[in-house]
Amino acid sequence: MRKAIDGLAAAARHALRQDPFTGDLFVFCNRRRDRLKILYWERSGFWLLHKRLESGTFAWPTSKGASKASEEIDTAQLFALLNGLVVASRRKRWFSWKPRNGDVNAR
């Protein structure tokens, strides 16, 4: 999530093949799914909104095709995503644990 306005506008234009000057909202999410950036063009310039969750992750919409770079969501889905209604609980990291000397109660 290092990109600012110019980098996100370029990503919308080249990677997503969309015009960032249409007035549509472009929502970007980081890999950990705990931060969102929204790029929006208003008549005189761009707005960039950034939301960082203190705990948990966003339930990011999944596309039906694995090669699909973008997904269109409606207004209700966007507001639910931003208001935390579809925020998934924090996922636990996977780890391997092996008991010592065959004792299943030892940690």
N, C-alpha and C. Protein backbone atom coordinates (compact mmCIF):
# COMPACT_ATOMS: atom_id res chain seq x y z
N MET A 1 0.83 -1.19 0.00
CA MET A 1 0.00 0.00 0.00
C MET A 1 0.87 1.25 0.00
N ARG A 2 1.92 1.24 -0.76
CA ARG A 2 2.81 2.40 -0.82
C ARG A 2 2.35 3.43 -1.83
N LYS A 3 1.49 3.05 -2.73
CA LYS A 3 1.11 3.97 -3.80
C LYS A 3 0.20 5.08 -3.29
N ALA A 4 0.44 6.26 -3.84
CA ALA A 4 -0.38 7.42 -3.52
C ALA A 4 -1.31 7.68 -4.72
N ILE A 5 -1.77 8.89 -4.86
CA ILE A 5 -2.77 9.22 -5.88
C ILE A 5 -2.29 8.88 -7.29
N ASP A 6 -1.10 9.33 -7.65
CA ASP A 6 -0.62 9.10 -9.02
C ASP A 6 -0.41 7.62 -9.31
N GLY A 7 0.14 6.88 -8.35
CA GLY A 7 0.36 5.46 -8.54
C GLY A 7 -0.94 4.67 -8.64
N LEU A 8 -1.93 5.03 -7.82
CA LEU A 8 -3.21 4.34 -7.88
C LEU A 8 -3.98 4.70 -9.15
N ALA A 9 -3.88 5.95 -9.59
CA ALA A 9 -4.52 6.34 -10.85
C ALA A 9 -3.89 5.59 -12.02
N ALA A 10 -2.57 5.41 -11.99
CA ALA A 10 -1.89 4.64 -13.04
C ALA A 10 -2.30 3.18 -12.98
N ALA A 11 -2.47 2.63 -11.78
CA ALA A 11 -2.92 1.24 -11.65
C ALA A 11 -4.33 1.08 -12.20
N ALA A 12 -5.20 2.03 -11.93
CA ALA A 12 -6.56 1.98 -12.48
C ALA A 12 -6.53 2.05 -14.00
N ARG A 13 -5.67 2.90 -14.52
CA ARG A 13 -5.61 3.11 -15.97
C ARG A 13 -4.99 1.92 -16.68
N HIS A 14 -3.87 1.41 -16.19
CA HIS A 14 -3.12 0.39 -16.93
C HIS A 14 -3.47 -1.03 -16.50
N ALA A 15 -3.45 -1.32 -15.21
CA ALA A 15 -3.70 -2.69 -14.76
C ALA A 15 -5.18 -3.06 -14.86
N LEU A 16 -6.05 -2.13 -14.48
CA LEU A 16 -7.49 -2.41 -14.50
C LEU A 16 -8.15 -2.00 -15.81
N ARG A 17 -7.42 -1.24 -16.64
CA ARG A 17 -7.92 -0.76 -17.93
C ARG A 17 -9.22 0.04 -17.77
N GLN A 18 -9.22 0.92 -16.76
CA GLN A 18 -10.36 1.80 -16.49
C GLN A 18 -9.86 3.24 -16.48
N ASP A 19 -10.77 4.17 -16.75
CA ASP A 19 -10.42 5.59 -16.72
C ASP A 19 -10.66 6.13 -15.32
N PRO A 20 -9.62 6.56 -14.61
CA PRO A 20 -9.80 7.05 -13.24
C PRO A 20 -10.52 8.39 -13.16
N PHE A 21 -10.73 9.06 -14.29
CA PHE A 21 -11.39 10.37 -14.31
C PHE A 21 -12.90 10.28 -14.52
N THR A 22 -13.48 9.10 -14.43
CA THR A 22 -14.91 8.92 -14.67
C THR A 22 -15.77 9.30 -13.48
N GLY A 23 -15.18 9.37 -12.30
CA GLY A 23 -15.96 9.63 -11.09
C GLY A 23 -16.32 8.35 -10.37
N ASP A 24 -15.89 7.20 -10.89
CA ASP A 24 -16.08 5.93 -10.19
C ASP A 24 -15.14 5.85 -9.00
N LEU A 25 -15.50 5.06 -8.02
CA LEU A 25 -14.62 4.81 -6.88
C LEU A 25 -13.76 3.60 -7.19
N PHE A 26 -12.48 3.72 -6.98
CA PHE A 26 -11.55 2.61 -7.15
C PHE A 26 -11.05 2.24 -5.76
N VAL A 27 -11.36 1.02 -5.33
CA VAL A 27 -11.02 0.56 -3.99
C VAL A 27 -9.88 -0.44 -4.11
N PHE A 28 -8.81 -0.19 -3.38
CA PHE A 28 -7.63 -1.06 -3.38
C PHE A 28 -7.43 -1.60 -1.97
N CYS A 29 -7.00 -2.86 -1.89
CA CYS A 29 -6.80 -3.52 -0.60
C CYS A 29 -5.39 -4.12 -0.58
N ASN A 30 -4.75 -4.09 0.59
CA ASN A 30 -3.42 -4.68 0.69
C ASN A 30 -3.51 -6.19 0.85
N ARG A 31 -2.37 -6.86 0.81
CA ARG A 31 -2.35 -8.33 0.90
C ARG A 31 -2.87 -8.85 2.22
N ARG A 32 -2.56 -8.16 3.30
CA ARG A 32 -3.03 -8.60 4.62
C ARG A 32 -4.51 -8.29 4.85
N ARG A 33 -5.09 -7.54 3.95
CA ARG A 33 -6.51 -7.17 3.98
C ARG A 33 -6.89 -6.41 5.25
N ASP A 34 -5.98 -5.60 5.76
CA ASP A 34 -6.31 -4.77 6.92
C ASP A 34 -6.28 -3.28 6.56
N ARG A 35 -6.05 -2.95 5.28
CA ARG A 35 -6.02 -1.56 4.84
C ARG A 35 -6.72 -1.43 3.49
N LEU A 36 -7.45 -0.34 3.36
CA LEU A 36 -8.12 -0.01 2.10
C LEU A 36 -7.74 1.40 1.68
N LYS A 37 -7.63 1.61 0.38
CA LYS A 37 -7.50 2.96 -0.17
C LYS A 37 -8.56 3.11 -1.24
N ILE A 38 -9.22 4.27 -1.22
CA ILE A 38 -10.26 4.56 -2.20
C ILE A 38 -9.83 5.80 -2.98
N LEU A 39 -9.80 5.66 -4.29
CA LEU A 39 -9.44 6.76 -5.18
C LEU A 39 -10.70 7.24 -5.88
N TYR A 40 -10.93 8.55 -5.85
CA TYR A 40 -12.14 9.14 -6.43
C TYR A 40 -11.79 10.46 -7.10
N TRP A 41 -12.24 10.66 -8.33
CA TRP A 41 -12.03 11.91 -9.04
C TRP A 41 -13.24 12.81 -8.88
N GLU A 42 -13.01 14.01 -8.38
CA GLU A 42 -14.03 15.05 -8.33
C GLU A 42 -13.60 16.13 -9.32
N ARG A 43 -14.47 16.97 -9.75
CA ARG A 43 -14.20 17.93 -10.83
C ARG A 43 -12.85 18.63 -10.75
N SER A 44 -12.38 18.93 -9.57
CA SER A 44 -11.15 19.71 -9.44
C SER A 44 -9.93 18.89 -9.03
N GLY A 45 -10.10 17.62 -8.72
CA GLY A 45 -8.95 16.81 -8.32
C GLY A 45 -9.36 15.48 -7.72
N PHE A 46 -8.35 14.72 -7.30
CA PHE A 46 -8.58 13.40 -6.73
C PHE A 46 -8.79 13.47 -5.22
N TRP A 47 -9.61 12.58 -4.72
CA TRP A 47 -9.73 12.30 -3.29
C TRP A 47 -9.05 10.95 -3.06
N LEU A 48 -8.32 10.84 -1.97
CA LEU A 48 -7.73 9.57 -1.58
C LEU A 48 -8.11 9.32 -0.13
N LEU A 49 -8.88 8.27 0.09
CA LEU A 49 -9.29 7.89 1.44
C LEU A 49 -8.55 6.62 1.83
N HIS A 50 -8.12 6.54 3.08
CA HIS A 50 -7.35 5.40 3.56
C HIS A 50 -7.95 4.94 4.87
N LYS A 51 -8.24 3.65 4.98
CA LYS A 51 -8.76 3.09 6.23
C LYS A 51 -7.87 1.94 6.65
N ARG A 52 -7.44 1.98 7.93
CA ARG A 52 -6.62 0.92 8.50
C ARG A 52 -7.36 0.32 9.68
N LEU A 53 -7.54 -0.99 9.67
CA LEU A 53 -8.18 -1.68 10.78
C LEU A 53 -7.17 -1.92 11.89
N GLU A 54 -7.59 -1.71 13.11
CA GLU A 54 -6.72 -2.00 14.26
C GLU A 54 -6.68 -3.49 14.55
N SER A 55 -7.77 -4.20 14.26
CA SER A 55 -7.78 -5.65 14.40
C SER A 55 -8.74 -6.22 13.38
N GLY A 56 -8.52 -7.45 12.99
CA GLY A 56 -9.38 -8.10 12.01
C GLY A 56 -8.94 -7.80 10.59
N THR A 57 -9.69 -8.35 9.66
CA THR A 57 -9.42 -8.16 8.24
C THR A 57 -10.72 -7.85 7.51
N PHE A 58 -10.58 -7.23 6.36
CA PHE A 58 -11.74 -6.99 5.51
C PHE A 58 -12.09 -8.28 4.78
N ALA A 59 -13.37 -8.55 4.65
CA ALA A 59 -13.83 -9.68 3.85
C ALA A 59 -13.89 -9.20 2.41
N TRP A 60 -12.77 -9.24 1.74
CA TRP A 60 -12.65 -8.71 0.40
C TRP A 60 -13.44 -9.57 -0.57
N PRO A 61 -14.24 -8.98 -1.47
CA PRO A 61 -15.01 -9.77 -2.43
C PRO A 61 -14.09 -10.58 -3.32
N THR A 62 -14.44 -11.83 -3.54
CA THR A 62 -13.63 -12.68 -4.40
C THR A 62 -14.27 -12.76 -5.77
N SER A 63 -13.43 -12.75 -6.79
CA SER A 63 -13.94 -12.84 -8.15
C SER A 63 -14.14 -14.30 -8.52
N LYS A 64 -15.03 -14.52 -9.47
CA LYS A 64 -15.32 -15.89 -9.90
C LYS A 64 -14.17 -16.48 -10.70
N GLY A 65 -13.49 -15.65 -11.47
CA GLY A 65 -12.34 -16.10 -12.24
C GLY A 65 -11.05 -15.70 -11.55
N ALA A 66 -10.11 -16.62 -11.45
CA ALA A 66 -8.87 -16.32 -10.73
C ALA A 66 -8.04 -15.26 -11.44
N SER A 67 -8.22 -15.12 -12.76
CA SER A 67 -7.41 -14.15 -13.50
C SER A 67 -8.04 -12.76 -13.52
N LYS A 68 -9.19 -12.60 -12.93
CA LYS A 68 -9.89 -11.32 -12.95
C LYS A 68 -9.20 -10.33 -12.01
N ALA A 69 -8.79 -9.18 -12.56
CA ALA A 69 -8.04 -8.19 -11.77
C ALA A 69 -8.95 -7.29 -10.97
N SER A 70 -10.20 -7.14 -11.39
CA SER A 70 -11.10 -6.23 -10.70
C SER A 70 -12.46 -6.88 -10.49
N GLU A 71 -13.16 -6.35 -9.54
CA GLU A 71 -14.51 -6.83 -9.21
C GLU A 71 -15.39 -5.62 -8.98
N GLU A 72 -16.54 -5.59 -9.59
CA GLU A 72 -17.47 -4.47 -9.41
C GLU A 72 -18.41 -4.80 -8.25
N ILE A 73 -18.51 -3.87 -7.30
CA ILE A 73 -19.43 -4.05 -6.18
C ILE A 73 -20.41 -2.88 -6.17
N ASP A 74 -21.58 -3.12 -5.59
CA ASP A 74 -22.57 -2.05 -5.55
C ASP A 74 -22.37 -1.19 -4.30
N THR A 75 -23.18 -0.15 -4.20
CA THR A 75 -23.05 0.81 -3.11
C THR A 75 -23.28 0.16 -1.75
N ALA A 76 -24.26 -0.72 -1.66
CA ALA A 76 -24.55 -1.38 -0.38
C ALA A 76 -23.37 -2.24 0.08
N GLN A 77 -22.75 -2.95 -0.86
CA GLN A 77 -21.58 -3.77 -0.50
C GLN A 77 -20.41 -2.91 -0.06
N LEU A 78 -20.22 -1.77 -0.72
CA LEU A 78 -19.13 -0.87 -0.33
C LEU A 78 -19.35 -0.31 1.07
N PHE A 79 -20.57 0.16 1.35
CA PHE A 79 -20.85 0.70 2.68
C PHE A 79 -20.73 -0.37 3.76
N ALA A 80 -21.17 -1.59 3.46
CA ALA A 80 -21.02 -2.68 4.43
C ALA A 80 -19.54 -2.97 4.68
N LEU A 81 -18.75 -2.97 3.62
CA LEU A 81 -17.31 -3.20 3.75
C LEU A 81 -16.66 -2.12 4.59
N LEU A 82 -17.00 -0.86 4.34
CA LEU A 82 -16.40 0.26 5.07
C LEU A 82 -16.87 0.36 6.51
N ASN A 83 -18.11 -0.02 6.77
CA ASN A 83 -18.66 0.07 8.12
C ASN A 83 -18.35 -1.14 8.98
N GLY A 84 -17.64 -2.10 8.43
CA GLY A 84 -17.24 -3.25 9.22
C GLY A 84 -18.27 -4.34 9.30
N LEU A 85 -19.32 -4.27 8.52
CA LEU A 85 -20.35 -5.30 8.59
C LEU A 85 -19.89 -6.61 7.99
N VAL A 86 -18.93 -6.56 7.09
CA VAL A 86 -18.42 -7.77 6.49
C VAL A 86 -16.95 -8.00 6.86
N VAL A 87 -16.53 -7.41 7.94
CA VAL A 87 -15.15 -7.58 8.39
C VAL A 87 -15.03 -8.95 9.03
N ALA A 88 -14.16 -9.77 8.49
CA ALA A 88 -13.95 -11.11 9.02
C ALA A 88 -13.08 -11.02 10.26
N SER A 89 -13.22 -12.00 11.13
CA SER A 89 -12.39 -12.02 12.32
C SER A 89 -10.94 -12.29 11.92
N ARG A 90 -10.05 -11.87 12.75
CA ARG A 90 -8.62 -12.04 12.45
C ARG A 90 -8.31 -13.52 12.31
N ARG A 91 -7.65 -13.84 11.23
CA ARG A 91 -7.29 -15.23 10.98
C ARG A 91 -6.06 -15.60 11.80
N LYS A 92 -6.09 -16.78 12.38
CA LYS A 92 -4.95 -17.24 13.16
C LYS A 92 -3.88 -17.77 12.22
N ARG A 93 -2.65 -17.49 12.58
CA ARG A 93 -1.53 -17.99 11.79
C ARG A 93 -1.38 -19.49 12.03
N TRP A 94 -1.03 -20.19 10.99
CA TRP A 94 -0.83 -21.62 11.08
C TRP A 94 0.54 -21.87 11.69
N PHE A 95 0.62 -22.83 12.57
CA PHE A 95 1.92 -23.21 13.12
C PHE A 95 1.92 -24.71 13.35
N SER A 96 3.11 -25.25 13.39
CA SER A 96 3.27 -26.68 13.61
C SER A 96 3.73 -26.90 15.04
N TRP A 97 3.07 -27.79 15.74
CA TRP A 97 3.42 -28.10 17.11
C TRP A 97 3.61 -29.59 17.23
N LYS A 98 4.73 -30.00 17.81
CA LYS A 98 5.01 -31.41 18.01
C LYS A 98 5.27 -31.63 19.49
N PRO A 99 4.62 -32.61 20.09
CA PRO A 99 4.85 -32.87 21.51
C PRO A 99 6.26 -33.40 21.75
N ARG A 100 6.80 -33.05 22.92
CA ARG A 100 8.13 -33.53 23.29
C ARG A 100 8.00 -34.91 23.93
N ASN A 101 8.85 -35.80 23.52
CA ASN A 101 8.94 -37.15 24.10
C ASN A 101 7.59 -37.86 24.13
N GLY A 102 6.77 -37.63 23.17
CA GLY A 102 5.50 -38.34 23.09
C GLY A 102 4.43 -37.86 24.05
N ASP A 103 4.72 -36.82 24.85
CA ASP A 103 3.74 -36.30 25.80
C ASP A 103 2.82 -35.32 25.08
N VAL A 104 1.56 -35.66 24.92
CA VAL A 104 0.63 -34.80 24.19
C VAL A 104 0.20 -33.59 25.01
N ASN A 105 0.41 -33.61 26.33
CA ASN A 105 0.01 -32.49 27.18
C ASN A 105 1.12 -31.47 27.38
N ALA A 106 2.35 -31.79 26.97
CA ALA A 106 3.47 -30.87 27.15
C ALA A 106 3.44 -29.80 26.07
N ARG A 107 3.78 -28.59 26.46
CA ARG A 107 3.84 -27.49 25.48
C ARG A 107 5.13 -26.79 25.65
